[in-house]
C-alpha atoms as a PDB file:
ATOM      1  CA  MET A   1     -50.306  -5.780 -31.525  1.00  0.00           C
ATOM      2  CA  GLU A   2     -50.471  -9.359 -30.534  1.00  0.00           C
ATOM      3  CA  GLN A   3     -46.951  -9.840 -31.639  1.00  0.00           C
ATOM      4  CA  MET A   4     -45.801  -7.013 -29.446  1.00  0.00           C
ATOM      5  CA  ARG A   5     -47.261  -8.164 -26.210  1.00  0.00           C
ATOM      6  CA  PRO A   6     -44.458 -10.666 -25.286  1.00  0.00           C
ATOM      7  CA  LEU A   7     -41.941  -7.855 -25.788  1.00  0.00           C
ATOM      8  CA  LEU A   8     -43.897  -5.341 -23.787  1.00  0.00           C
ATOM      9  CA  ALA A   9     -44.207  -7.822 -21.015  1.00  0.00           C
ATOM     10  CA  VAL A  10     -40.576  -8.320 -20.855  1.00  0.00           C
ATOM     11  CA  VAL A  11     -39.911  -4.501 -20.804  1.00  0.00           C
ATOM     12  CA  LEU A  12     -42.538  -3.975 -18.072  1.00  0.00           C
ATOM     13  CA  ALA A  13     -41.051  -6.829 -15.996  1.00  0.00           C
ATOM     14  CA  ALA A  14     -37.656  -5.173 -16.270  1.00  0.00           C
ATOM     15  CA  ILE A  15     -38.963  -1.784 -15.314  1.00  0.00           C
ATOM     16  CA  THR A  16     -40.745  -3.299 -12.329  1.00  0.00           C
ATOM     17  CA  ALA A  17     -37.654  -5.134 -11.143  1.00  0.00           C
ATOM     18  CA  THR A  18     -35.625  -1.972 -11.498  1.00  0.00           C
ATOM     19  CA  GLY A  19     -38.184  -0.103  -9.365  1.00  0.00           C
ATOM     20  CA  GLN A  20     -38.104  -2.746  -6.609  1.00  0.00           C
ATOM     21  CA  GLN A  21     -34.293  -2.491  -6.133  1.00  0.00           C
ATOM     22  CA  THR A  22     -33.544  -0.907  -2.853  1.00  0.00           C
ATOM     23  CA  SER A  23     -29.907  -1.545  -2.440  1.00  0.00           C
ATOM     24  CA  GLU A  24     -27.240   0.595  -4.071  1.00  0.00           C
ATOM     25  CA  PRO A  25     -24.004  -0.832  -5.530  1.00  0.00           C
ATOM     26  CA  ILE A  26     -21.141  -0.666  -3.085  1.00  0.00           C
ATOM     27  CA  LYS A  27     -18.447   1.957  -3.607  1.00  0.00           C
ATOM     28  CA  VAL A  28     -15.235   0.954  -1.795  1.00  0.00           C
ATOM     29  CA  ALA A  29     -11.600   1.619  -2.565  1.00  0.00           C
ATOM     30  CA  ASP A  30     -10.195  -0.128  -5.563  1.00  0.00           C
ATOM     31  CA  THR A  31      -6.851   1.528  -5.892  1.00  0.00           C
ATOM     32  CA  PHE A  32      -4.330   1.167  -3.038  1.00  0.00           C
ATOM     33  CA  VAL A  33      -1.019   3.144  -2.911  1.00  0.00           C
ATOM     34  CA  PHE A  34       1.090   1.551  -0.240  1.00  0.00           C
ATOM     35  CA  GLY A  35       4.686   1.316   1.011  1.00  0.00           C
ATOM     36  CA  VAL A  36       6.339   2.180   4.235  1.00  0.00           C
ATOM     37  CA  SER A  37       7.127   5.379   5.869  1.00  0.00           C
ATOM     38  CA  LYS A  38       9.827   7.586   4.059  1.00  0.00           C
ATOM     39  CA  CYS A  39       9.211   5.760   0.760  1.00  0.00           C
ATOM     40  CA  GLY A  40       7.093   8.635  -0.915  1.00  0.00           C
ATOM     41  CA  THR A  41       3.615   7.159  -0.385  1.00  0.00           C
ATOM     42  CA  SER A  42       2.111  10.499   0.668  1.00  0.00           C
ATOM     43  CA  SER A  43       3.706  12.285  -2.309  1.00  0.00           C
ATOM     44  CA  MET A  44       2.291   9.661  -4.647  1.00  0.00           C
ATOM     45  CA  PHE A  45      -1.121  10.123  -3.060  1.00  0.00           C
ATOM     46  CA  GLU A  46      -1.005  13.947  -3.413  1.00  0.00           C
ATOM     47  CA  THR A  47      -0.021  13.572  -7.172  1.00  0.00           C
ATOM     48  CA  LEU A  48      -2.717  11.018  -8.001  1.00  0.00           C
ATOM     49  CA  VAL A  49      -5.612  13.149  -6.470  1.00  0.00           C
ATOM     50  CA  MET A  50      -4.773  15.791  -9.045  1.00  0.00           C
ATOM     51  CA  SER A  51      -6.542  13.581 -11.614  1.00  0.00           C
ATOM     52  CA  ASP A  52     -10.317  13.821 -12.211  1.00  0.00           C
ATOM     53  CA  GLU A  53     -10.070  10.156 -12.986  1.00  0.00           C
ATOM     54  CA  ILE A  54      -9.148   9.522  -9.275  1.00  0.00           C
ATOM     55  CA  CYS A  55     -11.497   9.866  -6.414  1.00  0.00           C
ATOM     56  CA  PRO A  56      -9.892  10.198  -2.918  1.00  0.00           C
ATOM     57  CA  PRO A  57     -11.857   9.531   0.306  1.00  0.00           C
ATOM     58  CA  LYS A  58     -13.648  12.640   1.794  1.00  0.00           C
ATOM     59  CA  ASP A  59     -14.921  13.486   5.180  1.00  0.00           C
ATOM     60  CA  SER A  60     -18.430  14.720   6.146  1.00  0.00           C
ATOM     61  CA  ASN A  61     -17.404  18.262   5.030  1.00  0.00           C
ATOM     62  CA  ASN A  62     -16.311  17.040   1.652  1.00  0.00           C
ATOM     63  CA  GLU A  63     -12.678  17.771   2.378  1.00  0.00           C
ATOM     64  CA  ILE A  64     -10.120  15.269   0.932  1.00  0.00           C
ATOM     65  CA  MET A  65      -8.636  13.028   3.661  1.00  0.00           C
ATOM     66  CA  LYS A  66      -5.024  12.391   3.090  1.00  0.00           C
ATOM     67  CA  LEU A  67      -5.248   8.898   4.479  1.00  0.00           C
ATOM     68  CA  THR A  68      -8.240   6.676   4.653  1.00  0.00           C
ATOM     69  CA  ARG A  69      -6.996   5.228   7.965  1.00  0.00           C
ATOM     70  CA  HIS A  70      -8.029   8.517   9.505  1.00  0.00           C
ATOM     71  CA  TYR A  71     -11.652   7.385   9.440  1.00  0.00           C
ATOM     72  CA  ILE A  72     -11.634   3.632   9.304  1.00  0.00           C
ATOM     73  CA  GLN A  73     -11.527   1.777  12.566  1.00  0.00           C
ATOM     74  CA  PRO A  74      -8.107   1.047  13.932  1.00  0.00           C
ATOM     75  CA  TRP A  75      -5.505  -1.259  12.575  1.00  0.00           C
ATOM     76  CA  PHE A  76      -6.143  -1.107   8.913  1.00  0.00           C
ATOM     77  CA  TYR A  77      -9.308  -3.093   7.959  1.00  0.00           C
ATOM     78  CA  THR A  78      -9.227  -5.399  10.846  1.00  0.00           C
ATOM     79  CA  ARG A  79     -12.785  -4.429  11.852  1.00  0.00           C
ATOM     80  CA  LEU A  80     -13.715  -2.507   8.708  1.00  0.00           C
ATOM     81  CA  LYS A  81     -17.334  -2.221   7.709  1.00  0.00           C
ATOM     82  CA  VAL A  82     -18.666  -1.514   4.309  1.00  0.00           C
ATOM     83  CA  GLU A  83     -20.494   1.447   5.670  1.00  0.00           C
ATOM     84  CA  ASP A  84     -17.238   3.076   6.759  1.00  0.00           C
ATOM     85  CA  MET A  85     -15.963   2.871   3.187  1.00  0.00           C
ATOM     86  CA  LYS A  86     -19.238   3.946   1.551  1.00  0.00           C
ATOM     87  CA  ALA A  87     -19.208   7.195   3.571  1.00  0.00           C
ATOM     88  CA  GLY A  88     -15.738   8.178   2.338  1.00  0.00           C
ATOM     89  CA  TYR A  89     -16.403   7.409  -1.341  1.00  0.00           C
ATOM     90  CA  ALA A  90     -20.042   8.532  -1.598  1.00  0.00           C
ATOM     91  CA  SER A  91     -19.234  11.359  -3.968  1.00  0.00           C
ATOM     92  CA  CYS A  92     -17.265   9.259  -6.425  1.00  0.00           C
ATOM     93  CA  ASP A  93     -18.454   8.383  -9.895  1.00  0.00           C
ATOM     94  CA  TRP A  94     -18.421   4.755 -11.069  1.00  0.00           C
ATOM     95  CA  ASN A  95     -15.824   5.648 -13.768  1.00  0.00           C
ATOM     96  CA  GLN A  96     -13.484   6.958 -11.205  1.00  0.00           C
ATOM     97  CA  ARG A  97     -10.911   4.920  -9.466  1.00  0.00           C
ATOM     98  CA  ARG A  98     -11.410   5.157  -5.702  1.00  0.00           C
ATOM     99  CA  LEU A  99      -8.063   5.802  -4.041  1.00  0.00           C
ATOM    100  CA  ASP A 100      -6.829   4.634  -0.661  1.00  0.00           C
ATOM    101  CA  SER A 101      -3.330   5.321   0.608  1.00  0.00           C
ATOM    102  CA  THR A 102      -1.035   4.951   3.738  1.00  0.00           C
ATOM    103  CA  GLU A 103       2.502   4.222   4.353  1.00  0.00           C
ATOM    104  CA  SER A 104       1.686   1.410   6.732  1.00  0.00           C
ATOM    105  CA  TYR A 105      -0.209  -1.087   4.441  1.00  0.00           C
ATOM    106  CA  SER A 106       2.808  -3.087   3.666  1.00  0.00           C
ATOM    107  CA  THR A 107       3.833  -3.398   7.273  1.00  0.00           C
ATOM    108  CA  TYR A 108       0.902  -5.225   8.716  1.00  0.00           C
ATOM    109  CA  ALA A 109      -0.281  -8.715   7.401  1.00  0.00           C
ATOM    110  CA  THR A 110      -3.716  -7.971   8.510  1.00  0.00           C
ATOM    111  CA  VAL A 111      -4.271  -5.745   5.516  1.00  0.00           C
ATOM    112  CA  PRO A 112      -4.343  -7.874   2.337  1.00  0.00           C
ATOM    113  CA  GLN A 113      -6.399 -10.533   4.052  1.00  0.00           C
ATOM    114  CA  ASN A 114      -9.026  -8.025   5.199  1.00  0.00           C
ATOM    115  CA  ILE A 115      -9.093  -6.261   1.820  1.00  0.00           C
ATOM    116  CA  TYR A 116      -9.706  -9.713   0.182  1.00  0.00           C
ATOM    117  CA  THR A 117     -12.368 -10.629   2.783  1.00  0.00           C
ATOM    118  CA  LEU A 118     -14.141  -7.199   2.387  1.00  0.00           C
ATOM    119  CA  TYR A 119     -14.524  -7.865  -1.400  1.00  0.00           C
ATOM    120  CA  ASP A 120     -15.245 -11.524  -1.077  1.00  0.00           C
ATOM    121  CA  GLU A 121     -18.079 -11.135   1.492  1.00  0.00           C
ATOM    122  CA  HIS A 122     -19.852  -8.617  -0.681  1.00  0.00           C
ATOM    123  CA  GLY A 123     -19.478 -10.280  -4.037  1.00  0.00           C
ATOM    124  CA  MET A 124     -17.277  -7.597  -5.364  1.00  0.00           C
ATOM    125  CA  ASP A 125     -14.804  -8.310  -8.270  1.00  0.00           C
ATOM    126  CA  LYS A 126     -11.294  -8.458  -6.677  1.00  0.00           C
ATOM    127  CA  SER A 127      -9.753  -8.535 -10.206  1.00  0.00           C
ATOM    128  CA  THR A 128     -10.494  -4.841 -10.513  1.00  0.00           C
ATOM    129  CA  ILE A 129      -8.322  -3.908  -7.597  1.00  0.00           C
ATOM    130  CA  ARG A 130      -4.805  -2.214  -8.414  1.00  0.00           C
ATOM    131  CA  PHE A 131      -2.023  -1.702  -6.058  1.00  0.00           C
ATOM    132  CA  ILE A 132       0.923   0.661  -6.361  1.00  0.00           C
ATOM    133  CA  MET A 133       3.962   0.125  -4.003  1.00  0.00           C
ATOM    134  CA  VAL A 134       6.558   2.700  -3.683  1.00  0.00           C
ATOM    135  CA  ILE A 135       9.811   1.396  -2.437  1.00  0.00           C
ATOM    136  CA  ARG A 136      13.247   2.489  -1.375  1.00  0.00           C
ATOM    137  CA  ASP A 137      16.613   0.904  -0.413  1.00  0.00           C
ATOM    138  CA  PRO A 138      15.650  -0.469   3.073  1.00  0.00           C
ATOM    139  CA  MET A 139      18.853   0.668   4.755  1.00  0.00           C
ATOM    140  CA  GLU A 140      18.440   4.146   3.286  1.00  0.00           C
ATOM    141  CA  ARG A 141      14.887   4.208   4.431  1.00  0.00           C
ATOM    142  CA  ALA A 142      15.706   2.943   7.883  1.00  0.00           C
ATOM    143  CA  TYR A 143      18.050   5.991   8.431  1.00  0.00           C
ATOM    144  CA  ALA A 144      15.646   8.439   6.905  1.00  0.00           C
ATOM    145  CA  TRP A 145      12.896   7.320   9.291  1.00  0.00           C
ATOM    146  CA  TYR A 146      15.292   7.303  12.253  1.00  0.00           C
ATOM    147  CA  ASN A 147      16.443  10.827  11.263  1.00  0.00           C
ATOM    148  CA  PHE A 148      12.866  11.973  11.075  1.00  0.00           C
ATOM    149  CA  GLY A 149      11.805  10.377  14.360  1.00  0.00           C
ATOM    150  CA  ASN A 150      14.915  11.740  16.182  1.00  0.00           C
ATOM    151  CA  GLY A 151      14.223  15.142  14.814  1.00  0.00           C
ATOM    152  CA  GLU A 152      10.613  15.046  15.978  1.00  0.00           C
ATOM    153  CA  ASN A 153      11.498  13.642  19.360  1.00  0.00           C
ATOM    154  CA  PHE A 154       9.528  10.441  18.912  1.00  0.00           C
ATOM    155  CA  PRO A 155       9.490   8.170  21.935  1.00  0.00           C
ATOM    156  CA  GLY A 156      12.286   5.790  21.747  1.00  0.00           C
ATOM    157  CA  PHE A 157      14.324   7.714  19.288  1.00  0.00           C
ATOM    158  CA  ASN A 158      16.562   9.568  21.706  1.00  0.00           C
ATOM    159  CA  VAL A 159      19.440   7.032  21.044  1.00  0.00           C
ATOM    160  CA  THR A 160      22.028   6.552  18.355  1.00  0.00           C
ATOM    161  CA  PHE A 161      21.076   4.963  15.056  1.00  0.00           C
ATOM    162  CA  GLU A 162      23.247   1.946  15.954  1.00  0.00           C
ATOM    163  CA  GLU A 163      21.468   1.568  19.187  1.00  0.00           C
ATOM    164  CA  LYS A 164      17.969   1.819  17.672  1.00  0.00           C
ATOM    165  CA  VAL A 165      18.855  -0.736  15.088  1.00  0.00           C
ATOM    166  CA  THR A 166      20.250  -3.140  17.642  1.00  0.00           C
ATOM    167  CA  GLN A 167      17.152  -2.706  19.782  1.00  0.00           C
ATOM    168  CA  GLU A 168      14.772  -3.450  16.963  1.00  0.00           C
ATOM    169  CA  LEU A 169      16.809  -6.431  15.741  1.00  0.00           C
ATOM    170  CA  ASN A 170      16.695  -8.034  19.044  1.00  0.00           C
ATOM    171  CA  VAL A 171      12.882  -7.758  19.136  1.00  0.00           C
ATOM    172  CA  ILE A 172      12.679  -9.157  15.650  1.00  0.00           C
ATOM    173  CA  ARG A 173      14.993 -12.023  16.446  1.00  0.00           C
ATOM    174  CA  LYS A 174      12.870 -12.877  19.558  1.00  0.00           C
ATOM    175  CA  CYS A 175       9.663 -12.865  17.507  1.00  0.00           C
ATOM    176  CA  GLN A 176      11.171 -15.046  14.746  1.00  0.00           C
ATOM    177  CA  ASN A 177      12.321 -17.584  17.240  1.00  0.00           C
ATOM    178  CA  TYR A 178       8.960 -17.601  19.017  1.00  0.00           C
ATOM    179  CA  ALA A 179       7.045 -18.116  15.699  1.00  0.00           C
ATOM    180  CA  LYS A 180       9.416 -20.989  14.573  1.00  0.00           C
ATOM    181  CA  SER A 181       8.968 -22.640  18.052  1.00  0.00           C
ATOM    182  CA  HIS A 182       5.330 -22.734  17.341  1.00  0.00           C
ATOM    183  CA  GLY A 183       5.590 -24.386  13.962  1.00  0.00           C
ATOM    184  CA  ILE A 184       5.663 -21.282  11.770  1.00  0.00           C
ATOM    185  CA  THR A 185       8.647 -22.116   9.611  1.00  0.00           C
ATOM    186  CA  ASP A 186       8.619 -20.371   6.141  1.00  0.00           C
ATOM    187  CA  ASP A 187       9.991 -16.764   6.082  1.00  0.00           C
ATOM    188  CA  VAL A 188       6.835 -15.210   4.714  1.00  0.00           C
ATOM    189  CA  SER A 189       4.548 -16.656   7.381  1.00  0.00           C
ATOM    190  CA  VAL A 190       7.148 -15.707  10.054  1.00  0.00           C
ATOM    191  CA  TRP A 191       6.972 -12.191   8.588  1.00  0.00           C
ATOM    192  CA  ALA A 192       3.185 -12.156   8.804  1.00  0.00           C
ATOM    193  CA  PHE A 193       3.166 -13.574  12.308  1.00  0.00           C
ATOM    194  CA  CYS A 194       5.706 -10.955  13.635  1.00  0.00           C
ATOM    195  CA  SER A 195       3.915  -8.057  11.877  1.00  0.00           C
ATOM    196  CA  LYS A 196       1.270  -8.370  14.499  1.00  0.00           C
ATOM    197  CA  THR A 197       3.866  -7.902  17.267  1.00  0.00           C
ATOM    198  CA  PHE A 198       4.822  -4.473  15.647  1.00  0.00           C
ATOM    199  CA  LEU A 199       1.208  -3.411  15.802  1.00  0.00           C
ATOM    200  CA  GLU A 200       2.079  -2.319  19.307  1.00  0.00           C
ATOM    201  CA  TYR A 201       5.702  -1.538  18.688  1.00  0.00           C
ATOM    202  CA  ASP A 202       5.803   2.079  17.501  1.00  0.00           C
ATOM    203  CA  GLY A 203       8.390   3.808  15.534  1.00  0.00           C
ATOM    204  CA  THR A 204      10.214   0.881  13.809  1.00  0.00           C
ATOM    205  CA  VAL A 205      13.122   1.699  11.507  1.00  0.00           C
ATOM    206  CA  VAL A 206      14.060  -1.895  10.530  1.00  0.00           C
ATOM    207  CA  TYR A 207      10.892  -4.097  10.310  1.00  0.00           C
ATOM    208  CA  PRO A 208       9.116  -2.226   7.489  1.00  0.00           C
ATOM    209  CA  GLY A 209      12.157  -2.666   5.283  1.00  0.00           C
ATOM    210  CA  SER A 210      11.167  -6.208   4.545  1.00  0.00           C
ATOM    211  CA  MET A 211       9.297  -5.149   1.484  1.00  0.00           C
ATOM    212  CA  ALA A 212       9.984  -8.351  -0.534  1.00  0.00           C
ATOM    213  CA  ARG A 213       8.326 -10.476   2.106  1.00  0.00           C
ATOM    214  CA  ALA A 214       5.373  -8.098   2.375  1.00  0.00           C
ATOM    215  CA  LEU A 215       4.882  -8.365  -1.424  1.00  0.00           C
ATOM    216  CA  LYS A 216       5.120 -12.211  -1.224  1.00  0.00           C
ATOM    217  CA  TYR A 217       2.378 -12.131   1.367  1.00  0.00           C
ATOM    218  CA  TYR A 218       0.172  -9.874  -0.803  1.00  0.00           C
ATOM    219  CA  PHE A 219       0.672 -12.277  -3.703  1.00  0.00           C
ATOM    220  CA  ARG A 220      -0.992 -15.010  -1.618  1.00  0.00           C
ATOM    221  CA  PHE A 221      -4.183 -13.084  -1.934  1.00  0.00           C
ATOM    222  CA  PHE A 222      -3.941 -11.151  -5.145  1.00  0.00           C
ATOM    223  CA  ASP A 223      -2.442 -11.675  -8.688  1.00  0.00           C
ATOM    224  CA  PRO A 224       1.059 -10.066  -9.058  1.00  0.00           C
ATOM    225  CA  GLU A 225      -0.247  -8.529 -12.237  1.00  0.00           C
ATOM    226  CA  GLN A 226      -2.496  -6.304 -10.086  1.00  0.00           C
ATOM    227  CA  PHE A 227       0.646  -4.670  -8.641  1.00  0.00           C
ATOM    228  CA  LEU A 228       3.003  -1.996  -9.956  1.00  0.00           C
ATOM    229  CA  VAL A 229       6.145  -1.636  -7.793  1.00  0.00           C
ATOM    230  CA  LEU A 230       8.348   1.401  -8.457  1.00  0.00           C
ATOM    231  CA  PRO A 231      11.237   3.111  -6.566  1.00  0.00           C
ATOM    232  CA  LEU A 232      10.921   6.576  -5.026  1.00  0.00           C
ATOM    233  CA  GLN A 233      13.931   7.640  -7.133  1.00  0.00           C
ATOM    234  CA  GLU A 234      11.940   7.096 -10.357  1.00  0.00           C
ATOM    235  CA  TYR A 235       9.214   9.344  -9.033  1.00  0.00           C
ATOM    236  CA  HIS A 236      11.774  12.027  -8.262  1.00  0.00           C
ATOM    237  CA  ASP A 237      14.130  11.758 -11.213  1.00  0.00           C
ATOM    238  CA  ASN A 238      11.874  10.550 -14.081  1.00  0.00           C
ATOM    239  CA  PHE A 239       8.483  11.819 -13.098  1.00  0.00           C
ATOM    240  CA  PRO A 240       6.726  11.934 -16.515  1.00  0.00           C
ATOM    241  CA  GLU A 241       7.822   8.514 -17.428  1.00  0.00           C
ATOM    242  CA  ALA A 242       6.858   7.088 -14.074  1.00  0.00           C
ATOM    243  CA  MET A 243       3.422   8.569 -14.149  1.00  0.00           C
ATOM    244  CA  GLU A 244       2.849   7.363 -17.696  1.00  0.00           C
ATOM    245  CA  ARG A 245       3.622   3.782 -16.461  1.00  0.00           C
ATOM    246  CA  ILE A 246       1.268   4.277 -13.459  1.00  0.00           C
ATOM    247  CA  SER A 247      -1.483   5.666 -15.728  1.00  0.00           C
ATOM    248  CA  GLN A 248      -1.287   2.534 -17.818  1.00  0.00           C
ATOM    249  CA  HIS A 249      -1.506   0.364 -14.769  1.00  0.00           C
ATOM    250  CA  LEU A 250      -4.569   2.163 -13.583  1.00  0.00           C
ATOM    251  CA  GLY A 251      -6.200   2.487 -16.925  1.00  0.00           C
ATOM    252  CA  LEU A 252      -6.051   6.449 -16.830  1.00  0.00           C
ATOM    253  CA  LYS A 253      -6.421   8.400 -20.003  1.00  0.00           C
ATOM    254  CA  ASN A 254      -4.911  11.732 -19.089  1.00  0.00           C
ATOM    255  CA  THR A 255      -1.513  12.276 -17.270  1.00  0.00           C
ATOM    256  CA  ALA A 256      -1.405  16.075 -17.999  1.00  0.00           C
ATOM    257  CA  ALA A 257      -2.956  16.937 -14.575  1.00  0.00           C
ATOM    258  CA  PHE A 258      -0.074  15.329 -12.560  1.00  0.00           C
ATOM    259  CA  GLU A 259       2.549  17.356 -10.850  1.00  0.00           C
ATOM    260  CA  GLN A 260       5.246  16.304  -8.535  1.00  0.00           C
ATOM    261  CA  SER A 261       4.655  16.597  -4.802  1.00  0.00           C
ATOM    262  CA  HIS A 262       7.217  16.695  -1.975  1.00  0.00           C
ATOM    263  CA  SER A 263       5.228  15.730   1.034  1.00  0.00           C
ATOM    264  CA  ASN A 264       8.061  16.194   3.571  1.00  0.00           C
ATOM    265  CA  HIS A 265       9.998  18.752   1.554  1.00  0.00           C
ATOM    266  CA  GLY A 266      11.788  21.147   3.991  1.00  0.00           C
ATOM    267  CA  ARG A 267      12.905  18.609   6.599  1.00  0.00           C
ATOM    268  CA  LYS A 268      16.507  19.109   7.675  1.00  0.00           C
ATOM    269  CA  PRO A 269      18.985  17.537   5.083  1.00  0.00           C
ATOM    270  CA  TYR A 270      21.182  14.721   6.201  1.00  0.00           C
ATOM    271  CA  GLU A 271      24.004  12.503   4.838  1.00  0.00           C
ATOM    272  CA  LEU A 272      23.756   8.820   5.044  1.00  0.00           C
ATOM    273  CA  PRO A 273      26.161   7.250   7.647  1.00  0.00           C
ATOM    274  CA  LYS A 274      28.004   4.138   7.262  1.00  0.00           C
ATOM    275  CA  MET A 275      25.463   1.379   7.911  1.00  0.00           C
ATOM    276  CA  PRO A 276      25.822  -0.807  10.976  1.00  0.00           C
ATOM    277  CA  GLN A 277      27.087  -4.350  10.089  1.00  0.00           C
ATOM    278  CA  ASN A 278      24.084  -6.017  11.834  1.00  0.00           C
ATOM    279  CA  LEU A 279      21.706  -3.927   9.660  1.00  0.00           C
ATOM    280  CA  VAL A 280      23.691  -4.871   6.467  1.00  0.00           C
ATOM    281  CA  GLU A 281      23.544  -8.539   7.370  1.00  0.00           C
ATOM    282  CA  HIS A 282      19.836  -8.365   8.195  1.00  0.00           C
ATOM    283  CA  PHE A 283      18.894  -6.883   4.846  1.00  0.00           C
ATOM    284  CA  GLN A 284      20.955  -9.186   2.824  1.00  0.00           C
ATOM    285  CA  ALA A 285      18.049 -11.559   2.471  1.00  0.00           C
ATOM    286  CA  GLU A 286      15.810  -8.643   1.448  1.00  0.00           C
ATOM    287  CA  TYR A 287      18.069  -7.746  -1.536  1.00  0.00           C
ATOM    288  CA  THR A 288      18.230 -11.365  -2.629  1.00  0.00           C
ATOM    289  CA  GLU A 289      14.475 -11.940  -2.321  1.00  0.00           C
ATOM    290  CA  MET A 290      13.567  -8.737  -4.136  1.00  0.00           C
ATOM    291  CA  ALA A 291      15.886  -9.695  -7.043  1.00  0.00           C
ATOM    292  CA  GLU A 292      14.115 -13.112  -7.223  1.00  0.00           C
ATOM    293  CA  LEU A 293      10.707 -11.505  -7.288  1.00  0.00           C
ATOM    294  CA  ILE A 294      11.821  -9.097 -10.101  1.00  0.00           C
ATOM    295  CA  LYS A 295      12.946 -11.984 -12.209  1.00  0.00           C
ATOM    296  CA  LYS A 296       9.763 -13.955 -11.513  1.00  0.00           C
ATOM    297  CA  HIS A 297       7.275 -11.189 -12.116  1.00  0.00           C
ATOM    298  CA  PRO A 298       8.962  -8.618 -14.415  1.00  0.00           C
ATOM    299  CA  ASN A 299       5.725  -6.951 -15.423  1.00  0.00           C
ATOM    300  CA  THR A 300       5.071  -6.013 -11.741  1.00  0.00           C
ATOM    301  CA  PHE A 301       8.275  -3.978 -11.351  1.00  0.00           C
ATOM    302  CA  TYR A 302       9.119  -0.689 -13.004  1.00  0.00           C
ATOM    303  CA  ARG A 303      12.847   0.126 -13.148  1.00  0.00           C
ATOM    304  CA  VAL A 304      13.372  -1.227  -9.625  1.00  0.00           C
ATOM    305  CA  GLN A 305      16.816  -2.639 -10.557  1.00  0.00           C
ATOM    306  CA  THR A 306      18.358   0.844 -10.818  1.00  0.00           C
ATOM    307  CA  VAL A 307      18.020   1.472  -7.106  1.00  0.00           C
ATOM    308  CA  PHE A 308      17.436  -1.994  -5.718  1.00  0.00           C
ATOM    309  CA  PRO A 309      20.193  -4.121  -7.360  1.00  0.00           C
ATOM    310  CA  ASP A 310      20.683  -7.808  -6.837  1.00  0.00           C
ATOM    311  CA  ARG A 311      23.329  -7.851  -4.063  1.00  0.00           C
ATOM    312  CA  SER A 312      23.178 -11.531  -3.559  1.00  0.00           C
END
């Protein structure tokens, strides 16, 4: 019995310590699906929540919220509190990945920094985070968003596509010049600076297309291996293979539950027009930079070359 007492003391101490714990581990989002409008982000969200290994955010009535941004404070984590996250993911099990999704996360530079800060301030393991970015040819996406906004009578969309593009390019050029005149010189930092301008500039068709620079900015905070970038076309045309790759990235065991979703199916069809020359010239850098990222981080990209070729 004497020999057992040290062991009993250790066990009792452990039980006592456990009983004294008053704080619960923090459950926040650890899986982010992001992209820009008209790239299939909503469809990807609707597909992923079909898995019982994925836990989406829910409101007070236990209803799935399509986008977490509907309950967090404005501008995507700029003033996010842990309590806001905990409320949405309270019903999640620890073995589930907690999903967050919006088509705006790659447009605003505030997002990766604030996700990083949220984890850092609360001692959470940032290496567990996984990102899925759904992309599309930036000129095709620009027209798709214009066509949508024009059809829905969005403010500022009652002009031609060419006029809309020229208006936005003028705003972008002014912001870039202003940033550079204040000592911000590298393209990624200029992108981050100007993204704040567009927080108040609704309905952009051009600016969100700078997806390569958005990725470069995210890579300043997180390891590229935490990302999987795939084109919308792969989701549409090669769904089983695409979801298998996504499951590998997220560590999911079962892909049988997944079905394709077409979030905006039923919108009026359209044909792509000849793209304005100023838009073609603007996105030349995007094609070049994306091709460079693909070469530098091949494990991060899935069949992106098929729809995002090197046009340099």
